[in-house]
């Protein structure tokens, strides 16, 4: 379908575009920017007056809960959430049931996603079989099936010899290793940041050293093997400084942060609000300030939703017993806009963290609107305000720390591969 998006402010950070420009889409690709190509006839026109046109968002951490956890969410519901959030490409962690450790499972997931014809799904394969941390998966076969990286998700890998071998194997073939730094023994039974709030509420804590000790091991093994290491969901000031130093030393390491941790701290737990039961846990104000500083100086490459829908029964429990997780894809864009406004960051700079940067982390040719690029586009109204209410969320998971908050910035249209997939 030929689509003409007119009168909008086009922001494409990858191509340094921030101007009123029309976008012309033909044959699933961006046909031209600014001036219609010869012979172009629009079958559909989108008037983007007062709106901003950007590349479709790329989210590096969105659990779709299939296969195995359909009672929490289904592929259909989470794809609708992605479209409502302007997320046209996403990567899903391997902690499904069964885990994504076999090519057939990866192919099935990608096939199901293609049938829905909505967001592009780039699975992250399991680093070890069944995520048990003992035996390596067949990474080459999983890559052929469509995996873009390999991870343990939130499952512990306590055997450093296995991790060393995994990184050696990954380095040999250029595979990406994505790891969340957490020492399982130091974090055992913890549910909140080990600080004053947890002490006052009587909650078992997860200390910052649970992150930094694991991170130190990962960085040293990456240095030893030359593996491409991506640090998932950094949460502490000390962790940010370690990644910053590693980058200064020339280590091939990248890093992301959850949008929740950019805005919230352990104080937001309040009186045992289970919606703030997250993993990693919300940390101190000092940690949040360091995360924001890490985004500003490029230490942290991307912001993700860390979308982890949880069913109501698992959340309506005492804080320590509630399941960690929150829905997030529909909130990713407005929360990044909120962060940009608070830090007085230019929109093109802020949007790199949810477009071209995460696309490069995945190694996919998304996140930009160059002529000939895939026509994945998000059109949003920066002035529109809306209240986060569970009933209005497309995701099957209705739990988020931002329930009741007023957001500014709302997606009006989402185009995937040249097809209008969502309109509000």
Protein backbone atom coordinates (compact mmCIF):
# COMPACT_ATOMS: atom_id res chain seq x y z
CA UNK A 1 0.00 0.00 0.00
CA UNK A 2 1.21 3.49 -0.86
CA UNK A 3 0.96 5.78 2.16
CA UNK A 4 1.62 9.52 2.30
CA UNK A 5 2.30 10.97 5.77
CA UNK A 6 2.03 14.73 5.42
CA UNK A 7 2.48 17.89 7.49
CA UNK A 8 4.29 16.14 10.36
CA UNK A 9 7.54 16.97 12.13
CA UNK A 10 9.88 14.20 11.06
CA UNK A 11 12.54 13.17 13.58
CA UNK A 12 15.01 10.54 12.42
CA UNK A 13 18.03 10.57 14.76
CA UNK A 14 20.06 8.20 12.57
CA UNK A 15 19.89 10.60 9.61
CA UNK A 16 20.04 13.80 11.67
CA UNK A 17 16.61 14.88 10.45
CA UNK A 18 14.40 17.14 12.55
CA UNK A 19 12.19 19.12 10.21
CA UNK A 20 8.73 19.33 8.72
CA UNK A 21 9.00 16.67 6.04
CA UNK A 22 6.51 14.37 4.33
CA UNK A 23 7.12 10.63 4.24
CA UNK A 24 6.19 8.48 1.26
CA UNK A 25 5.80 4.73 1.67
CA UNK A 26 5.56 2.22 -1.18
CA UNK A 27 6.08 -1.52 -1.47
CA UNK A 28 6.72 -1.97 2.30
CA UNK A 29 9.62 0.49 2.26
CA UNK A 30 10.29 4.20 2.64
CA UNK A 31 10.08 5.42 -0.96
CA UNK A 32 11.17 9.00 -0.30
CA UNK A 33 11.42 11.78 2.27
CA UNK A 34 10.28 15.33 1.54
CA UNK A 35 9.32 15.04 -2.13
CA UNK A 36 7.12 12.35 -3.65
CA UNK A 37 8.92 9.97 -6.00
CA UNK A 38 7.96 10.10 -9.65
CA UNK A 39 4.65 8.42 -10.36
CA UNK A 40 3.74 8.03 -6.68
CA UNK A 41 -0.02 7.83 -6.05
CA UNK A 42 -1.13 7.63 -2.42
CA UNK A 43 -3.72 5.01 -1.56
CA UNK A 44 -3.88 6.32 1.99
CA UNK A 45 -2.98 9.71 3.43
CA UNK A 46 -2.23 10.43 7.07
CA UNK A 47 -2.43 14.09 8.08
CA UNK A 48 0.19 14.45 10.81
CA UNK A 49 -0.39 18.15 11.47
CA UNK A 50 0.81 18.92 15.01
CA UNK A 51 2.28 15.43 15.32
CA UNK A 52 5.77 13.94 15.28
CA UNK A 53 6.78 11.20 12.86
CA UNK A 54 9.58 8.90 14.00
CA UNK A 55 10.96 5.44 13.19
CA UNK A 56 9.03 2.64 14.88
CA UNK A 57 10.34 2.04 18.41
CA UNK A 58 12.72 -0.85 19.09
CA UNK A 59 12.35 -2.50 22.51
CA UNK A 60 15.15 -4.82 23.62
CA UNK A 61 13.23 -6.45 26.50
CA UNK A 62 9.59 -7.43 26.07
CA UNK A 63 8.29 -10.70 27.44
CA UNK A 64 5.44 -12.01 25.30
CA UNK A 65 4.78 -14.91 27.72
CA UNK A 66 4.40 -17.46 24.93
CA UNK A 67 4.94 -20.34 24.97
CA UNK A 68 3.93 -21.57 28.40
CA UNK A 69 2.54 -18.57 30.27
CA UNK A 70 -0.59 -17.74 28.30
CA UNK A 71 -2.49 -17.17 31.54
CA UNK A 72 -0.32 -14.09 32.03
CA UNK A 73 -0.46 -12.84 28.45
CA UNK A 74 -0.87 -14.04 24.88
CA UNK A 75 1.00 -13.16 21.76
CA UNK A 76 -2.15 -11.49 20.41
CA UNK A 77 -2.62 -9.23 23.44
CA UNK A 78 1.03 -8.19 23.67
CA UNK A 79 1.27 -7.47 19.95
CA UNK A 80 -1.70 -5.14 20.36
CA UNK A 81 0.12 -3.48 23.24
CA UNK A 82 3.21 -3.07 21.06
CA UNK A 83 1.17 -1.40 18.33
CA UNK A 84 -0.51 0.94 20.82
CA UNK A 85 2.96 1.89 22.08
CA UNK A 86 4.48 2.44 18.64
CA UNK A 87 6.85 -0.52 19.16
CA UNK A 88 7.45 -2.08 15.74
CA UNK A 89 10.43 -4.28 16.66
CA UNK A 90 11.11 -6.11 19.91
CA UNK A 91 13.30 -8.79 21.37
CA UNK A 92 11.90 -11.29 23.84
CA UNK A 93 13.98 -13.00 26.54
CA UNK A 94 14.26 -16.81 26.47
CA UNK A 95 12.56 -17.53 29.82
CA UNK A 96 9.41 -19.04 28.34
CA UNK A 97 8.13 -22.54 29.18
CA UNK A 98 9.89 -24.38 27.71
CA UNK A 99 12.79 -21.94 27.32
CA UNK A 100 13.89 -20.87 23.85
CA UNK A 101 16.71 -23.42 23.69
CA UNK A 102 15.64 -25.35 20.57
CA UNK A 103 15.42 -24.05 16.98
CA UNK A 104 11.89 -25.43 16.61
CA UNK A 105 10.61 -23.31 19.49
CA UNK A 106 12.20 -20.18 18.05
CA UNK A 107 10.80 -20.88 14.58
CA UNK A 108 7.33 -21.50 16.03
CA UNK A 109 7.38 -18.20 17.92
CA UNK A 110 8.53 -16.25 14.88
CA UNK A 111 5.92 -17.98 12.70
CA UNK A 112 3.13 -17.12 15.14
CA UNK A 113 4.32 -13.51 15.25
CA UNK A 114 4.46 -13.26 11.44
CA UNK A 115 0.87 -14.52 11.15
CA UNK A 116 -0.28 -11.62 13.33
CA UNK A 117 1.49 -9.21 10.94
CA UNK A 118 2.25 -6.68 13.66
CA UNK A 119 5.53 -6.07 15.53
CA UNK A 120 8.68 -7.78 14.33
CA UNK A 121 9.89 -10.29 16.91
CA UNK A 122 13.61 -10.98 17.36
CA UNK A 123 14.01 -13.75 19.96
CA UNK A 124 16.93 -13.93 22.34
CA UNK A 125 17.98 -17.57 22.63
CA UNK A 126 18.84 -19.43 25.80
CA UNK A 127 22.56 -19.47 26.58
CA UNK A 128 22.30 -22.84 28.35
CA UNK A 129 19.85 -25.70 27.97
CA UNK A 130 16.66 -25.19 29.95
CA UNK A 131 18.42 -22.11 31.40
CA UNK A 132 19.92 -24.43 33.99
CA UNK A 133 23.44 -23.03 33.61
CA UNK A 134 25.13 -26.38 32.95
CA UNK A 135 25.15 -27.24 29.23
CA UNK A 136 25.53 -24.79 26.36
CA UNK A 137 22.84 -24.59 23.70
CA UNK A 138 23.52 -25.01 19.98
CA UNK A 139 23.96 -21.31 19.39
CA UNK A 140 24.70 -21.67 15.67
CA UNK A 141 21.43 -23.54 15.07
CA UNK A 142 19.49 -21.05 17.19
CA UNK A 143 21.01 -18.18 15.21
CA UNK A 144 19.91 -19.83 11.95
CA UNK A 145 16.41 -20.09 13.45
CA UNK A 146 16.34 -16.35 14.10
CA UNK A 147 17.94 -15.61 17.49
CA UNK A 148 19.82 -12.32 17.64
CA UNK A 149 21.62 -12.86 20.95
CA UNK A 150 21.92 -15.35 23.83
CA UNK A 151 20.95 -14.86 27.45
CA UNK A 152 20.05 -16.48 30.74
CA UNK A 153 17.22 -13.96 31.26
CA UNK A 154 16.80 -13.86 35.06
CA UNK A 155 18.06 -17.42 35.60
CA UNK A 156 21.32 -17.69 37.49
CA UNK A 157 24.50 -18.97 35.87
CA UNK A 158 26.68 -19.65 38.89
CA UNK A 159 29.29 -21.83 37.18
CA UNK A 160 31.87 -19.38 35.86
CA UNK A 161 33.55 -22.12 33.83
CA UNK A 162 30.32 -22.57 31.85
CA UNK A 163 30.08 -18.81 31.38
CA UNK A 164 33.70 -18.68 30.18
CA UNK A 165 33.03 -21.42 27.63
CA UNK A 166 29.85 -19.73 26.50
CA UNK A 167 31.69 -16.47 25.91
CA UNK A 168 34.56 -18.23 24.12
CA UNK A 169 32.09 -19.96 21.81
CA UNK A 170 30.13 -16.76 21.23
CA UNK A 171 33.31 -14.79 20.50
CA UNK A 172 34.45 -17.37 17.95
CA UNK A 173 31.32 -16.90 15.85
CA UNK A 174 30.49 -13.29 16.68
CA UNK A 175 27.36 -14.07 18.66
CA UNK A 176 26.08 -11.51 21.17
CA UNK A 177 25.87 -12.44 24.85
CA UNK A 178 23.23 -10.56 26.86
CA UNK A 179 23.48 -10.96 30.62
CA UNK A 180 21.76 -9.38 33.59
CA UNK A 181 24.29 -9.00 36.43
CA UNK A 182 23.01 -10.62 39.60
CA UNK A 183 24.83 -12.82 42.09
CA UNK A 184 22.22 -15.43 42.96
CA UNK A 185 23.62 -16.12 46.42
CA UNK A 186 23.79 -12.48 47.52
CA UNK A 187 20.31 -11.82 46.10
CA UNK A 188 18.73 -14.98 47.52
CA UNK A 189 15.20 -14.35 48.87
CA UNK A 190 15.61 -10.59 48.36
CA UNK A 191 12.65 -8.60 47.05
CA UNK A 192 13.71 -4.93 47.35
CA UNK A 193 16.79 -2.71 47.30
CA UNK A 194 18.84 -3.25 50.44
CA UNK A 195 18.41 0.19 51.97
CA UNK A 196 16.44 2.25 54.44
CA UNK A 197 13.07 1.60 52.82
CA UNK A 198 13.45 -2.18 52.86
CA UNK A 199 14.67 -2.05 56.45
CA UNK A 200 11.72 0.08 57.54
CA UNK A 201 9.24 -2.21 55.78
CA UNK A 202 10.92 -5.38 56.99
CA UNK A 203 11.58 -6.62 53.44
CA UNK A 204 14.58 -8.85 52.61
CA UNK A 205 17.04 -6.81 50.56
CA UNK A 206 19.09 -7.24 47.41
CA UNK A 207 22.36 -5.33 47.90
CA UNK A 208 24.09 -3.39 45.15
CA UNK A 209 27.08 -5.75 45.43
CA UNK A 210 24.83 -8.53 44.12
CA UNK A 211 24.93 -6.59 40.84
CA UNK A 212 28.51 -5.37 40.89
CA UNK A 213 30.15 -8.68 41.82
CA UNK A 214 28.35 -10.45 38.97
CA UNK A 215 29.12 -7.56 36.64
CA UNK A 216 32.82 -7.67 37.52
CA UNK A 217 32.93 -11.35 36.58
CA UNK A 218 31.15 -10.73 33.28
CA UNK A 219 33.41 -7.85 32.31
CA UNK A 220 36.59 -9.77 33.12
CA UNK A 221 35.44 -12.80 31.13
CA UNK A 222 34.44 -10.55 28.23
CA UNK A 223 37.90 -8.98 28.33
CA UNK A 224 39.50 -12.43 28.41
CA UNK A 225 37.45 -13.87 25.53
CA UNK A 226 36.67 -10.86 23.36
CA UNK A 227 32.96 -11.65 23.45
CA UNK A 228 30.38 -8.98 22.61
CA UNK A 229 28.78 -8.41 26.01
CA UNK A 230 25.52 -6.57 26.54
CA UNK A 231 24.64 -5.76 30.15
CA UNK A 232 20.88 -5.96 30.62
CA UNK A 233 18.91 -3.74 32.99
CA UNK A 234 21.70 -2.03 34.91
CA UNK A 235 20.27 -0.60 38.14
CA UNK A 236 23.00 0.87 40.34
CA UNK A 237 25.41 3.82 40.40
CA UNK A 238 28.35 1.49 40.99
CA UNK A 239 27.28 -0.70 38.07
CA UNK A 240 27.09 2.30 35.74
CA UNK A 241 30.59 3.40 36.75
CA UNK A 242 31.96 -0.09 36.07
CA UNK A 243 30.46 -0.12 32.58
CA UNK A 244 31.74 3.43 31.96
CA UNK A 245 35.28 2.40 32.90
CA UNK A 246 35.05 -0.75 30.76
CA UNK A 247 34.05 1.33 27.75
CA UNK A 248 36.91 3.74 28.38
CA UNK A 249 39.25 0.75 28.36
CA UNK A 250 37.99 -0.22 24.92
CA UNK A 251 35.94 -3.23 25.95
CA UNK A 252 33.16 -4.22 23.51
CA UNK A 253 30.39 -3.79 26.06
CA UNK A 254 26.96 -2.18 25.77
CA UNK A 255 24.24 -1.58 28.31
CA UNK A 256 20.52 -0.87 28.73
CA UNK A 257 18.25 0.35 31.52
CA UNK A 258 14.57 -0.20 32.27
CA UNK A 259 12.34 2.87 31.90
CA UNK A 260 11.01 2.15 35.39
CA UNK A 261 14.44 2.72 36.91
CA UNK A 262 14.89 6.00 35.02
CA UNK A 263 11.89 7.44 36.88
CA UNK A 264 11.30 5.52 40.11
CA UNK A 265 13.20 4.68 43.30
CA UNK A 266 12.67 2.37 46.25
CA UNK A 267 10.72 5.18 47.95
CA UNK A 268 7.94 4.52 45.42
CA UNK A 269 7.28 1.16 47.06
CA UNK A 270 5.36 3.29 49.58
CA UNK A 271 3.28 1.02 51.75
CA UNK A 272 4.07 -2.28 50.05
CA UNK A 273 2.84 -1.41 46.54
CA UNK A 274 3.28 -4.73 44.69
CA UNK A 275 3.21 -2.89 41.36
CA UNK A 276 6.70 -1.71 42.32
CA UNK A 277 7.89 -5.28 42.87
CA UNK A 278 10.33 -5.38 39.98
CA UNK A 279 13.49 -7.19 38.99
CA UNK A 280 16.01 -5.68 39.26
CA UNK A 281 14.58 -3.86 42.28
CA UNK A 282 14.00 -0.12 42.31
CA UNK A 283 17.08 1.39 43.93
CA UNK A 284 18.01 4.62 45.70
CA UNK A 285 17.75 8.20 44.47
CA UNK A 286 21.54 8.22 44.10
CA UNK A 287 21.32 5.20 41.82
CA UNK A 288 18.57 6.78 39.73
CA UNK A 289 20.64 9.94 39.32
CA UNK A 290 23.59 7.84 38.15
CA UNK A 291 21.42 5.97 35.65
CA UNK A 292 20.27 9.27 34.19
CA UNK A 293 23.85 10.51 34.03
CA UNK A 294 24.85 7.27 32.30
CA UNK A 295 22.19 7.87 29.66
CA UNK A 296 23.39 11.42 29.11
CA UNK A 297 27.06 10.52 28.61
CA UNK A 298 26.41 7.42 26.49
CA UNK A 299 27.44 4.82 29.05
CA UNK A 300 23.93 3.38 28.81
CA UNK A 301 23.00 2.77 25.18
CA UNK A 302 19.26 2.11 25.30
CA UNK A 303 16.09 2.39 27.36
CA UNK A 304 13.76 -0.61 27.33
CA UNK A 305 10.28 -1.24 28.68
CA UNK A 306 11.27 -4.47 30.47
CA UNK A 307 7.70 -5.46 29.63
CA UNK A 308 6.81 -8.40 31.89
CA UNK A 309 3.03 -8.84 32.16
CA UNK A 310 1.85 -10.54 35.36
CA UNK A 311 -1.63 -11.86 36.10
CA UNK A 312 -3.66 -10.16 38.82
CA UNK A 313 -3.59 -13.18 41.14
CA UNK A 314 0.21 -13.06 41.26
CA UNK A 315 0.22 -9.34 42.06
CA UNK A 316 -2.56 -9.20 44.61
CA UNK A 317 -0.37 -10.74 47.28
CA UNK A 318 1.83 -9.34 50.05
CA UNK A 319 4.79 -7.49 48.52
CA UNK A 320 7.37 -10.18 49.32
CA UNK A 321 5.17 -12.90 47.81
CA UNK A 322 4.01 -11.01 44.71
CA UNK A 323 5.57 -11.86 41.39
CA UNK A 324 8.09 -9.37 40.01
CA UNK A 325 7.16 -7.66 36.77
CA UNK A 326 5.10 -4.92 35.14
CA UNK A 327 3.56 -4.14 31.79
CA UNK A 328 5.41 -1.44 29.89
CA UNK A 329 5.40 -1.30 26.09
CA UNK A 330 2.52 1.17 25.95
CA UNK A 331 4.37 3.48 28.34
CA UNK A 332 7.84 3.40 26.80
CA UNK A 333 7.44 6.43 24.52
CA UNK A 334 5.69 8.79 26.99
CA UNK A 335 8.18 7.90 29.73
CA UNK A 336 11.12 8.63 27.45
CA UNK A 337 9.47 11.94 26.52
CA UNK A 338 9.02 12.67 30.24
CA UNK A 339 12.70 11.93 30.90
CA UNK A 340 13.76 14.14 27.99
CA UNK A 341 11.62 17.03 29.26
CA UNK A 342 12.95 16.70 32.83
CA UNK A 343 16.59 16.57 31.69
CA UNK A 344 16.06 19.19 28.97
CA UNK A 345 17.33 16.82 26.29
CA UNK A 346 16.61 17.49 22.62
CA UNK A 347 14.03 15.04 21.28
CA UNK A 348 16.27 13.60 18.53
CA UNK A 349 18.92 12.78 21.13
CA UNK A 350 16.41 11.16 23.50
CA UNK A 351 14.78 9.12 20.75
CA UNK A 352 18.07 7.45 19.80
CA UNK A 353 17.69 5.36 22.98
CA UNK A 354 14.50 3.73 21.68
CA UNK A 355 15.14 3.66 17.92
CA UNK A 356 18.53 3.33 16.26
CA UNK A 357 20.59 2.41 19.35
CA UNK A 358 18.56 -0.67 20.34
CA UNK A 359 18.35 -1.69 16.68
CA UNK A 360 22.14 -1.69 16.55
CA UNK A 361 22.30 -3.71 19.77
CA UNK A 362 20.16 -6.34 18.04
CA UNK A 363 22.08 -6.09 14.79
CA UNK A 364 18.94 -5.38 12.75
CA UNK A 365 18.34 -2.77 10.04
CA UNK A 366 15.53 -1.01 11.85
CA UNK A 367 15.21 2.21 13.83
CA UNK A 368 15.61 4.69 10.95
CA UNK A 369 13.67 6.07 7.98
CA UNK A 370 16.28 6.26 5.25
CA UNK A 371 15.05 5.92 1.69
CA UNK A 372 14.70 2.20 1.03
CA UNK A 373 14.45 1.30 4.72
CA UNK A 374 11.69 -0.88 6.11
CA UNK A 375 8.56 1.25 6.48
CA UNK A 376 8.15 0.92 10.25
CA UNK A 377 6.80 4.26 11.49
CA UNK A 378 5.32 5.73 14.65
CA UNK A 379 3.22 8.91 14.52
CA UNK A 380 2.48 10.46 17.89
CA UNK A 381 0.88 13.56 19.33
CA UNK A 382 3.39 15.15 21.75
CA UNK A 383 0.73 17.37 23.33
CA UNK A 384 -1.88 14.69 24.03
CA UNK A 385 -2.32 13.78 27.69
CA UNK A 386 -3.85 10.57 28.98
CA UNK A 387 -4.27 8.78 32.26
CA UNK A 388 -2.82 5.31 32.77
CA UNK A 389 -5.74 3.10 33.70
CA UNK A 390 -5.64 -0.73 33.72
CA UNK A 391 -8.82 -1.09 31.68
CA UNK A 392 -7.40 1.07 28.89
CA UNK A 393 -4.17 -0.93 28.48
CA UNK A 394 -4.04 -3.36 25.56
CA UNK A 395 -1.65 -5.70 27.36
CA UNK A 396 -3.21 -8.61 29.20
CA UNK A 397 -1.02 -7.61 32.13
CA UNK A 398 -2.60 -4.56 33.77
CA UNK A 399 -0.04 -3.98 36.52
CA UNK A 400 2.34 -1.04 36.30
CA UNK A 401 3.88 1.31 38.88
CA UNK A 402 2.44 4.15 36.78
CA UNK A 403 -1.23 3.28 37.22
CA UNK A 404 -3.07 6.56 37.85
CA UNK A 405 -0.27 8.71 36.41
CA UNK A 406 -1.01 11.27 33.69
CA UNK A 407 1.23 10.81 30.64
CA UNK A 408 2.00 13.30 27.90
CA UNK A 409 2.51 12.03 24.38
CA UNK A 410 0.28 9.44 22.72
CA UNK A 411 0.73 7.22 19.69
CA UNK A 412 -1.84 7.96 16.99
CA UNK A 413 -0.64 5.68 14.18
CA UNK A 414 1.72 2.73 13.93
CA UNK A 415 2.86 1.45 10.54
CA UNK A 416 4.67 -1.87 10.18
CA UNK A 417 6.21 -2.91 6.86
CA UNK A 418 4.16 -0.37 5.00
CA UNK A 419 0.84 -1.38 6.54
CA UNK A 420 -1.20 0.78 8.92
CA UNK A 421 -1.39 -1.58 11.90
CA UNK A 422 -2.82 0.80 14.51
CA UNK A 423 -4.74 4.06 14.61
CA UNK A 424 -6.25 5.85 17.56
